[in-house]
Protein backbone atom coordinates (compact mmCIF):
# COMPACT_ATOMS: atom_id res chain seq x y z
CA MET A 1 -10.19 -8.65 18.39
CA LEU A 2 -6.42 -8.38 18.12
CA LEU A 3 -5.16 -7.18 14.76
CA GLN A 4 -2.53 -9.93 14.73
CA ARG A 5 -5.24 -12.57 14.47
CA ILE A 6 -6.73 -11.07 11.33
CA PRO A 7 -5.35 -12.64 8.11
CA ASP A 8 -3.16 -10.37 6.01
CA ALA A 9 -5.24 -11.29 2.96
CA ALA A 10 -8.39 -9.90 4.59
CA ILE A 11 -6.68 -6.59 5.32
CA ARG A 12 -5.39 -6.40 1.75
CA ARG A 13 -8.92 -6.71 0.41
CA LEU A 14 -10.23 -3.78 2.46
CA PRO A 15 -8.77 -1.07 0.18
CA ALA A 16 -10.61 -2.63 -2.78
CA TYR A 17 -13.87 -2.45 -0.84
CA LEU A 18 -13.12 1.12 0.20
CA ARG A 19 -12.38 2.24 -3.36
CA TRP A 20 -15.67 0.89 -4.67
CA LEU A 21 -17.68 2.25 -1.73
CA THR A 22 -16.12 5.67 -2.30
CA GLU A 23 -17.32 5.66 -5.91
CA CYS A 24 -20.70 4.05 -5.16
CA GLN A 25 -23.74 6.28 -5.65
CA GLN A 26 -26.18 4.08 -3.75
CA GLU A 27 -27.14 4.42 -0.09
CA ARG A 28 -27.12 0.70 0.68
CA VAL A 29 -25.35 -2.30 -0.86
CA THR A 30 -25.32 -6.03 -0.24
CA SER A 31 -22.32 -8.33 0.13
CA VAL A 32 -23.23 -9.77 -3.28
CA MET A 33 -22.98 -6.33 -4.90
CA LEU A 34 -19.74 -5.51 -3.11
CA GLY A 35 -18.26 -8.88 -4.03
CA GLN A 36 -19.20 -8.67 -7.69
CA ALA A 37 -17.78 -5.14 -7.94
CA THR A 38 -14.42 -6.10 -6.41
CA GLY A 39 -14.03 -9.64 -7.75
CA TYR A 40 -14.63 -11.57 -4.53
CA SER A 41 -17.44 -13.82 -3.37
CA SER A 42 -20.19 -12.50 -1.12
CA GLU A 43 -19.09 -15.05 1.49
CA GLN A 44 -15.56 -13.64 1.40
CA VAL A 45 -16.85 -10.09 1.81
CA ARG A 46 -18.96 -11.02 4.83
CA LYS A 47 -16.10 -12.95 6.40
CA ASP A 48 -13.61 -10.12 5.90
CA LEU A 49 -15.90 -7.51 7.42
CA ALA A 50 -16.89 -9.79 10.29
CA TYR A 51 -13.31 -9.69 11.58
CA PHE A 52 -13.89 -6.07 12.51
CA GLY A 53 -17.50 -6.12 13.72
CA ALA A 54 -21.09 -6.38 12.54
CA PHE A 55 -21.62 -3.67 9.94
CA GLY A 56 -24.57 -4.98 7.97
CA THR A 57 -28.11 -6.22 8.53
CA ARG A 58 -29.25 -9.56 7.11
CA GLY A 59 -31.61 -8.98 4.23
CA VAL A 60 -30.90 -5.25 4.19
CA GLY A 61 -27.19 -4.98 3.50
CA TYR A 62 -24.69 -2.28 4.41
CA ASP A 63 -25.10 1.46 4.76
CA VAL A 64 -22.54 2.71 2.20
CA ALA A 65 -21.49 5.88 4.02
CA ALA A 66 -21.16 4.13 7.38
CA LEU A 67 -19.21 1.17 5.99
CA ARG A 68 -16.92 3.46 4.04
CA GLU A 69 -16.09 5.40 7.20
CA GLU A 70 -15.53 2.22 9.20
CA ILE A 71 -13.06 0.80 6.66
CA TYR A 72 -11.33 4.16 6.42
CA HIS A 73 -10.89 4.06 10.20
CA ILE A 74 -9.78 0.40 10.24
CA LEU A 75 -7.04 1.19 7.72
CA ARG A 76 -6.03 4.16 9.91
CA LEU A 77 -6.33 6.50 6.96
CA ASP A 78 -8.15 8.98 9.17
CA ARG A 79 -4.94 9.47 11.16
CA GLY A 80 -2.99 11.05 8.33
CA VAL A 81 -0.53 8.31 7.39
CA ARG A 82 2.77 9.74 6.16
CA ALA A 83 5.24 8.07 3.84
CA MET A 84 8.58 8.68 2.17
CA VAL A 85 10.04 7.34 -1.07
CA VAL A 86 13.71 6.37 -1.10
CA GLY A 87 15.00 6.24 -4.66
CA ALA A 88 14.23 9.05 -7.11
CA GLY A 89 14.59 7.00 -10.29
CA HIS A 90 11.83 6.41 -12.83
CA LEU A 91 9.65 4.33 -10.48
CA GLY A 92 10.08 6.52 -7.42
CA THR A 93 9.33 9.75 -9.27
CA ALA A 94 6.34 8.16 -11.01
CA LEU A 95 4.87 7.20 -7.62
CA VAL A 96 5.33 10.71 -6.29
CA ARG A 97 3.65 12.26 -9.33
CA TYR A 98 0.79 9.77 -9.11
CA VAL A 99 0.09 10.70 -5.48
CA ASP A 100 0.37 14.38 -6.40
CA GLN A 101 -2.57 13.92 -8.75
CA GLY A 102 -4.91 13.71 -5.80
CA HIS A 103 -4.41 10.34 -4.11
CA GLN A 104 -3.98 11.74 -0.65
CA ASP A 105 -5.05 8.95 1.71
CA VAL A 106 -1.37 8.33 2.33
CA GLN A 107 0.75 11.46 2.00
CA ILE A 108 4.26 11.24 0.59
CA MET A 109 6.24 13.75 2.60
CA ALA A 110 9.77 13.21 1.26
CA LEU A 111 11.66 11.84 -1.74
CA LEU A 112 15.29 10.83 -1.16
CA ASP A 113 18.21 9.81 -3.35
CA SER A 114 22.00 9.44 -3.21
CA ASN A 115 22.76 10.88 -6.66
CA PRO A 116 24.20 14.41 -6.32
CA ALA A 117 23.02 15.19 -9.86
CA ILE A 118 19.35 14.99 -8.89
CA ILE A 119 19.44 16.03 -5.23
CA GLY A 120 17.73 19.40 -5.04
CA SER A 121 15.63 18.87 -8.17
CA GLN A 122 11.86 19.15 -8.05
CA VAL A 123 9.53 16.18 -8.56
CA GLY A 124 5.89 17.15 -8.32
CA SER A 125 5.47 18.99 -5.04
CA LEU A 126 8.63 17.54 -3.50
CA ARG A 127 12.29 18.50 -3.59
CA VAL A 128 14.65 15.54 -3.84
CA GLU A 129 16.58 15.31 -0.56
CA SER A 130 19.85 13.52 0.16
CA VAL A 131 19.53 10.03 1.58
CA ASP A 132 21.97 11.24 4.25
CA ARG A 133 18.95 13.02 5.79
CA LEU A 134 16.88 9.83 6.04
CA GLU A 135 16.77 9.56 9.83
CA GLU A 136 16.26 13.30 10.25
CA LEU A 137 13.29 13.39 7.87
CA VAL A 138 11.67 10.26 9.33
CA HIS A 139 11.57 11.98 12.70
CA GLU A 140 10.68 15.41 11.35
CA PHE A 141 7.63 14.20 9.43
CA GLY A 142 6.64 11.24 11.61
CA ILE A 143 7.05 8.77 8.73
CA GLY A 144 5.28 5.44 9.21
CA ILE A 145 5.63 3.96 5.72
CA ALA A 146 8.59 3.91 3.35
CA VAL A 147 8.61 2.99 -0.33
CA LEU A 148 11.92 1.49 -1.37
CA THR A 149 12.81 1.95 -5.05
CA VAL A 150 16.61 1.79 -4.77
CA PRO A 151 18.95 -0.67 -6.55
CA LYS A 152 19.31 -4.13 -5.09
CA GLU A 153 22.81 -3.39 -3.80
CA ALA A 154 21.57 -0.56 -1.57
CA ALA A 155 18.21 -1.93 -0.48
CA VAL A 156 19.24 -3.92 2.61
CA THR A 157 21.28 -1.10 4.12
CA VAL A 158 18.64 1.54 3.44
CA ALA A 159 15.86 -0.68 4.81
CA ASP A 160 17.83 -1.29 8.00
CA ARG A 161 18.24 2.45 8.44
CA LEU A 162 14.51 2.93 7.95
CA ALA A 163 13.72 0.28 10.55
CA GLN A 164 16.19 1.71 13.05
CA SER A 165 14.75 5.19 12.60
CA GLY A 166 11.21 4.04 13.44
CA VAL A 167 9.54 3.20 10.13
CA ARG A 168 7.20 0.23 10.67
CA ALA A 169 6.07 -0.66 7.13
CA ILE A 170 8.07 -0.86 3.91
CA LEU A 171 6.86 -1.33 0.35
CA ASN A 172 9.93 -2.89 -1.25
CA PHE A 173 10.41 -2.83 -5.02
CA ALA A 174 14.02 -4.03 -4.84
CA PRO A 175 14.52 -7.72 -5.79
CA VAL A 176 16.01 -8.68 -2.42
CA ALA A 177 14.68 -9.52 1.05
CA VAL A 178 15.03 -6.65 3.52
CA CYS A 179 14.60 -6.16 7.28
CA THR A 180 14.93 -9.89 7.94
CA HIS A 181 16.24 -9.07 11.43
CA TYR A 182 13.38 -6.68 12.24
CA PRO A 183 10.25 -8.78 12.89
CA ASP A 184 8.29 -5.72 14.00
CA VAL A 185 8.68 -4.12 10.56
CA PHE A 186 6.09 -5.23 7.99
CA VAL A 187 7.64 -5.57 4.55
CA GLN A 188 5.57 -5.93 1.40
CA PRO A 189 7.81 -7.06 -1.49
CA ILE A 190 6.81 -6.22 -5.04
CA ASP A 191 9.11 -7.72 -7.66
CA LEU A 192 7.77 -6.65 -11.04
CA THR A 193 9.94 -9.18 -12.87
CA LEU A 194 8.54 -12.08 -10.84
CA GLU A 195 5.00 -10.82 -11.36
CA LEU A 196 5.48 -10.71 -15.12
CA GLN A 197 7.03 -14.17 -15.15
CA ALA A 198 4.07 -15.53 -13.19
CA LEU A 199 1.61 -13.90 -15.58
CA SER A 200 3.28 -15.66 -18.48
CA TYR A 201 1.95 -18.94 -17.06
CA PHE A 202 -1.64 -17.75 -17.44
CA VAL A 203 -0.94 -16.61 -21.00
CA GLY A 204 0.37 -20.09 -21.73
CA GLN A 205 -2.69 -21.71 -20.17
CA ARG A 206 -5.01 -19.69 -22.36
CA GLU A 207 -3.00 -20.50 -25.47
CA GLN A 208 -3.23 -24.24 -24.67
CA HIS A 209 -6.99 -24.02 -24.43
CA THR A 210 -7.24 -22.32 -27.81
CA LEU A 211 -5.24 -24.96 -29.66
């Protein structure tokens, strides 16, 4: 089945399944168990996995080790996905340090910035490189994913450079749309301000119910 026909939402749920399966101590699990552990219905679990093949047996469930390996392969994590972070501010450096703590499914190979005061400094296992080397480092390390933590004013230009250099997926923390002219580049926007504003609605809903 072509990947393009699989809903983005289904793909986004796979890492949650993989995380739980990695920590699971049992040899077999059911869709009910997997759904309860990750916050989804058993029907949703079965539907998501069915997009990629038949991994379980009715009445028996899923072999944990086999399903874990299948999802790992589906997400292409077995191919050594390499990423770079552009923007060595508080968020960018925090992400690098987090990955340095042992989260190696996706390897961050480079950390870039435009500030001469921090270029050359060490963050975790990485030396901050000049953003002028962006294209060079994308090709040198075979970067497939970029994390964009630059100011809004620089995001569009930097993202275009990433797309032109061959990066095909961008996690964008800047509050602006990027790569709008590059349909073959997948962009995942994460605006923390918008997320917090949306969460305030649910706080308000709960407060209404307690009045």
